[in-house]
Amino acid sequence: MITLASKVAEQVGATDVRFVGNVLCVSLSDGREVSIPIERIEWLSWLAKATQEQRANWSLEPNGFAIYWDELDDGIEIRHLLEMQPLV
């Protein structure tokens, strides 16, 4: 079953990335911004351990579907950020 949320996640892309301390802030093509505390998300531990210089060296994949850090050899698909459940 395809839900509306997954259809939206397929159509929305990243347009910009910045960090405020250990919070990843991703601007989206639909005008929203998603903020993720990377030290609280287990699957982002590689990014939490990165230096500020490494974090700043990112690129967007075509249509903004993902953010990639070449030096860290890892990335994040935007749909995964949008499909996350709220932190408790």
Protein backbone atom coordinates (compact mmCIF):
# COMPACT_ATOMS: atom_id res chain seq x y z
CA MET A 1 0.00 0.00 0.00
CA ILE A 2 1.34 3.42 -0.96
CA THR A 3 0.46 6.13 1.51
CA LEU A 4 0.20 9.85 0.92
CA ALA A 5 3.23 10.43 3.17
CA SER A 6 5.45 8.22 1.02
CA LYS A 7 4.22 9.95 -2.17
CA VAL A 8 5.12 13.34 -0.67
CA ALA A 9 8.53 12.01 0.42
CA GLU A 10 9.21 10.93 -3.17
CA GLN A 11 8.39 14.40 -4.55
CA VAL A 12 10.18 16.59 -1.96
CA GLY A 13 13.92 17.16 -2.18
CA ALA A 14 16.58 18.93 -0.15
CA THR A 15 17.65 22.41 -1.24
CA ASP A 16 20.10 23.32 1.55
CA VAL A 17 21.83 21.81 4.57
CA ARG A 18 23.24 23.45 7.69
CA PHE A 19 24.17 22.47 11.22
CA VAL A 20 23.34 24.25 14.45
CA GLY A 21 25.55 22.45 16.96
CA ASN A 22 24.59 18.79 16.66
CA VAL A 23 21.30 19.50 14.91
CA LEU A 24 21.08 18.82 11.19
CA CYS A 25 18.76 21.32 9.48
CA VAL A 26 17.58 20.43 5.98
CA SER A 27 15.63 22.92 3.86
CA LEU A 28 13.12 21.23 1.57
CA SER A 29 11.85 22.11 -1.88
CA ASP A 30 8.30 22.58 -0.54
CA GLY A 31 9.41 25.33 1.89
CA ARG A 32 9.65 23.22 5.04
CA GLU A 33 12.76 22.69 7.13
CA VAL A 34 13.45 19.46 8.98
CA SER A 35 15.68 19.57 12.07
CA ILE A 36 17.23 16.36 13.39
CA PRO A 37 19.32 16.03 16.58
CA ILE A 38 21.93 13.69 15.09
CA GLU A 39 23.36 12.50 18.41
CA ARG A 40 19.92 11.06 19.31
CA ILE A 41 19.48 9.07 16.08
CA GLU A 42 21.45 5.81 16.12
CA TRP A 43 21.69 5.47 12.34
CA LEU A 44 23.26 8.95 12.16
CA SER A 45 26.08 8.22 14.62
CA TRP A 46 28.60 8.45 11.76
CA LEU A 47 27.53 12.06 11.20
CA ALA A 48 27.50 12.90 14.92
CA LYS A 49 31.15 11.74 15.13
CA ALA A 50 32.23 13.83 12.13
CA THR A 51 34.13 17.09 12.51
CA GLN A 52 32.54 20.44 11.62
CA GLU A 53 34.72 20.56 8.52
CA GLN A 54 33.58 17.10 7.41
CA ARG A 55 29.92 17.98 8.06
CA ALA A 56 30.26 21.16 5.99
CA ASN A 57 31.51 19.22 2.94
CA TRP A 58 28.18 17.86 1.66
CA SER A 59 26.55 17.68 -1.76
CA LEU A 60 23.01 17.12 -2.98
CA GLU A 61 22.15 14.22 -5.22
CA PRO A 62 20.05 15.00 -8.34
CA ASN A 63 16.66 16.56 -7.52
CA GLY A 64 17.76 16.77 -3.86
CA PHE A 65 16.66 13.21 -3.14
CA ALA A 66 19.68 12.69 -0.84
CA ILE A 67 22.53 14.47 0.92
CA TYR A 68 25.96 12.92 0.53
CA TRP A 69 29.23 13.47 2.40
CA ASP A 70 31.97 12.26 0.07
CA GLU A 71 34.74 12.35 2.70
CA LEU A 72 32.58 10.32 5.10
CA ASP A 73 31.43 7.97 2.29
CA ASP A 74 27.86 8.11 3.53
CA GLY A 75 24.62 9.96 3.01
CA ILE A 76 20.97 10.36 3.91
CA GLU A 77 17.96 9.95 1.67
CA ILE A 78 15.41 12.68 2.28
CA ARG A 79 12.55 10.20 2.37
CA HIS A 80 14.14 8.56 5.41
CA LEU A 81 14.12 11.89 7.25
CA LEU A 82 10.50 12.51 6.32
CA GLU A 83 9.36 9.01 7.30
CA MET A 84 10.91 9.18 10.79
CA GLN A 85 8.53 8.98 13.71
CA PRO A 86 8.61 11.84 16.23
CA LEU A 87 11.16 11.41 19.02
CA VAL A 88 9.68 10.67 22.44
